[in-house]
């Protein structure tokens, strides 16, 4: 059997309060909402409050200019200068690392 837990039709999930400050990843509220949808799709009881956790201070920051300053501005600057956020960083493992099978 295939169980579908569709998040795309959930208009509320697109609200900033469900996303981390980078607006690329869900925050705890978003993950709880998705987990609630999965549980509901499986026919399980959804814990109280999982559909809509209390407002986080992070959501209030998203509405302010901090997102523009901390994330969008640097992204635009990197695109204009042709640089990457990883430029100048050393690799964690500079050579090949063998990983034995589990």
C-alpha atoms as a PDB file:
ATOM      1  CA  UNK A   1       0.000   0.000   0.000  1.00  0.00           C
ATOM      2  CA  UNK A   2       1.021   3.565  -0.650  1.00  0.00           C
ATOM      3  CA  UNK A   3      -0.049   6.266   1.760  1.00  0.00           C
ATOM      4  CA  UNK A   4      -0.002   9.849   0.482  1.00  0.00           C
ATOM      5  CA  UNK A   5       0.567  12.768   2.807  1.00  0.00           C
ATOM      6  CA  UNK A   6       0.345  15.754   0.476  1.00  0.00           C
ATOM      7  CA  UNK A   7       1.864  19.014   1.671  1.00  0.00           C
ATOM      8  CA  UNK A   8       1.629  21.043  -1.552  1.00  0.00           C
ATOM      9  CA  UNK A   9      -2.099  21.810  -1.180  1.00  0.00           C
ATOM     10  CA  UNK A  10      -1.521  23.078   2.391  1.00  0.00           C
ATOM     11  CA  UNK A  11      -1.631  26.864   1.910  1.00  0.00           C
ATOM     12  CA  UNK A  12      -0.886  27.483   5.585  1.00  0.00           C
ATOM     13  CA  UNK A  13       2.433  25.630   5.288  1.00  0.00           C
ATOM     14  CA  UNK A  14       3.668  28.358   2.925  1.00  0.00           C
ATOM     15  CA  UNK A  15       3.373  30.984   5.677  1.00  0.00           C
ATOM     16  CA  UNK A  16       6.709  32.305   7.007  1.00  0.00           C
ATOM     17  CA  UNK A  17       5.996  31.065  10.531  1.00  0.00           C
ATOM     18  CA  UNK A  18       6.610  27.478   9.370  1.00  0.00           C
ATOM     19  CA  UNK A  19      10.038  28.193   7.852  1.00  0.00           C
ATOM     20  CA  UNK A  20      13.515  28.797   9.249  1.00  0.00           C
ATOM     21  CA  UNK A  21      15.187  32.136   8.799  1.00  0.00           C
ATOM     22  CA  UNK A  22      16.865  31.049   5.539  1.00  0.00           C
ATOM     23  CA  UNK A  23      13.395  30.383   4.067  1.00  0.00           C
ATOM     24  CA  UNK A  24      14.704  27.178   2.508  1.00  0.00           C
ATOM     25  CA  UNK A  25      14.159  24.783   5.402  1.00  0.00           C
ATOM     26  CA  UNK A  26      11.200  24.195   7.660  1.00  0.00           C
ATOM     27  CA  UNK A  27      11.511  25.108  11.328  1.00  0.00           C
ATOM     28  CA  UNK A  28      10.123  22.997  14.191  1.00  0.00           C
ATOM     29  CA  UNK A  29       6.598  24.281  13.549  1.00  0.00           C
ATOM     30  CA  UNK A  30       6.799  23.231   9.900  1.00  0.00           C
ATOM     31  CA  UNK A  31       8.168  19.795  10.742  1.00  0.00           C
ATOM     32  CA  UNK A  32       5.424  19.261  13.313  1.00  0.00           C
ATOM     33  CA  UNK A  33       2.782  20.230  10.750  1.00  0.00           C
ATOM     34  CA  UNK A  34       4.219  17.771   8.204  1.00  0.00           C
ATOM     35  CA  UNK A  35       4.484  15.048  10.871  1.00  0.00           C
ATOM     36  CA  UNK A  36       0.850  15.694  11.801  1.00  0.00           C
ATOM     37  CA  UNK A  37      -0.143  15.240   8.161  1.00  0.00           C
ATOM     38  CA  UNK A  38       1.781  11.955   7.929  1.00  0.00           C
ATOM     39  CA  UNK A  39       0.197  10.629  11.129  1.00  0.00           C
ATOM     40  CA  UNK A  40      -3.239  11.717   9.925  1.00  0.00           C
ATOM     41  CA  UNK A  41      -2.661  10.010   6.556  1.00  0.00           C
ATOM     42  CA  UNK A  42      -1.718   6.814   8.384  1.00  0.00           C
ATOM     43  CA  UNK A  43      -4.932   6.999  10.399  1.00  0.00           C
ATOM     44  CA  UNK A  44      -3.089   7.692  13.648  1.00  0.00           C
ATOM     45  CA  UNK A  45      -4.031  10.205  16.321  1.00  0.00           C
ATOM     46  CA  UNK A  46      -2.258  13.542  15.891  1.00  0.00           C
ATOM     47  CA  UNK A  47      -0.923  14.921  19.211  1.00  0.00           C
ATOM     48  CA  UNK A  48      -2.640  18.082  20.402  1.00  0.00           C
ATOM     49  CA  UNK A  49      -1.116  21.228  18.973  1.00  0.00           C
ATOM     50  CA  UNK A  50       0.967  19.600  16.236  1.00  0.00           C
ATOM     51  CA  UNK A  51      -1.001  21.243  13.440  1.00  0.00           C
ATOM     52  CA  UNK A  52      -0.190  24.691  14.761  1.00  0.00           C
ATOM     53  CA  UNK A  53       2.505  25.097  17.422  1.00  0.00           C
ATOM     54  CA  UNK A  54       2.721  28.417  19.311  1.00  0.00           C
ATOM     55  CA  UNK A  55       4.308  31.349  17.499  1.00  0.00           C
ATOM     56  CA  UNK A  56       8.092  31.397  17.622  1.00  0.00           C
ATOM     57  CA  UNK A  57      10.287  34.487  17.941  1.00  0.00           C
ATOM     58  CA  UNK A  58      11.951  33.378  14.694  1.00  0.00           C
ATOM     59  CA  UNK A  59       8.743  34.020  12.751  1.00  0.00           C
ATOM     60  CA  UNK A  60       8.655  37.626  13.923  1.00  0.00           C
ATOM     61  CA  UNK A  61      12.234  38.128  12.699  1.00  0.00           C
ATOM     62  CA  UNK A  62      11.293  36.859   9.247  1.00  0.00           C
ATOM     63  CA  UNK A  63       8.852  39.703   8.866  1.00  0.00           C
ATOM     64  CA  UNK A  64      11.631  42.224   9.493  1.00  0.00           C
ATOM     65  CA  UNK A  65      14.597  43.145   7.342  1.00  0.00           C
ATOM     66  CA  UNK A  66      16.930  40.652   8.988  1.00  0.00           C
ATOM     67  CA  UNK A  67      16.178  38.108   6.292  1.00  0.00           C
ATOM     68  CA  UNK A  68      17.165  40.603   3.603  1.00  0.00           C
ATOM     69  CA  UNK A  69      20.375  41.547   5.404  1.00  0.00           C
ATOM     70  CA  UNK A  70      21.449  38.090   6.579  1.00  0.00           C
ATOM     71  CA  UNK A  71      20.392  35.871   3.697  1.00  0.00           C
ATOM     72  CA  UNK A  72      19.140  37.561   0.545  1.00  0.00           C
ATOM     73  CA  UNK A  73      21.774  40.322   0.436  1.00  0.00           C
ATOM     74  CA  UNK A  74      24.755  37.971   0.735  1.00  0.00           C
ATOM     75  CA  UNK A  75      23.184  35.605  -1.820  1.00  0.00           C
ATOM     76  CA  UNK A  76      22.749  38.432  -4.357  1.00  0.00           C
ATOM     77  CA  UNK A  77      26.313  39.642  -3.701  1.00  0.00           C
ATOM     78  CA  UNK A  78      27.692  36.134  -4.345  1.00  0.00           C
ATOM     79  CA  UNK A  79      25.764  35.900  -7.610  1.00  0.00           C
ATOM     80  CA  UNK A  80      26.985  39.313  -8.789  1.00  0.00           C
ATOM     81  CA  UNK A  81      30.622  38.584  -7.916  1.00  0.00           C
ATOM     82  CA  UNK A  82      30.572  34.967  -9.121  1.00  0.00           C
ATOM     83  CA  UNK A  83      31.669  33.625  -5.762  1.00  0.00           C
ATOM     84  CA  UNK A  84      30.382  30.755  -3.670  1.00  0.00           C
ATOM     85  CA  UNK A  85      29.667  30.589   0.036  1.00  0.00           C
ATOM     86  CA  UNK A  86      32.303  27.844   0.148  1.00  0.00           C
ATOM     87  CA  UNK A  87      35.094  29.878  -1.463  1.00  0.00           C
ATOM     88  CA  UNK A  88      38.196  29.928   0.722  1.00  0.00           C
ATOM     89  CA  UNK A  89      37.021  27.079   2.956  1.00  0.00           C
ATOM     90  CA  UNK A  90      39.168  24.009   3.388  1.00  0.00           C
ATOM     91  CA  UNK A  91      37.562  20.590   2.836  1.00  0.00           C
ATOM     92  CA  UNK A  92      36.737  18.530   5.889  1.00  0.00           C
ATOM     93  CA  UNK A  93      38.380  15.501   4.240  1.00  0.00           C
ATOM     94  CA  UNK A  94      40.938  16.662   1.626  1.00  0.00           C
ATOM     95  CA  UNK A  95      41.582  13.118   0.366  1.00  0.00           C
ATOM     96  CA  UNK A  96      39.541  10.011  -0.280  1.00  0.00           C
ATOM     97  CA  UNK A  97      38.128   8.387   2.822  1.00  0.00           C
ATOM     98  CA  UNK A  98      37.203   4.723   2.699  1.00  0.00           C
ATOM     99  CA  UNK A  99      34.018   3.843   4.510  1.00  0.00           C
ATOM    100  CA  UNK A 100      33.609   0.131   5.173  1.00  0.00           C
ATOM    101  CA  UNK A 101      30.180  -1.362   4.524  1.00  0.00           C
ATOM    102  CA  UNK A 102      27.978  -1.649   7.572  1.00  0.00           C
END
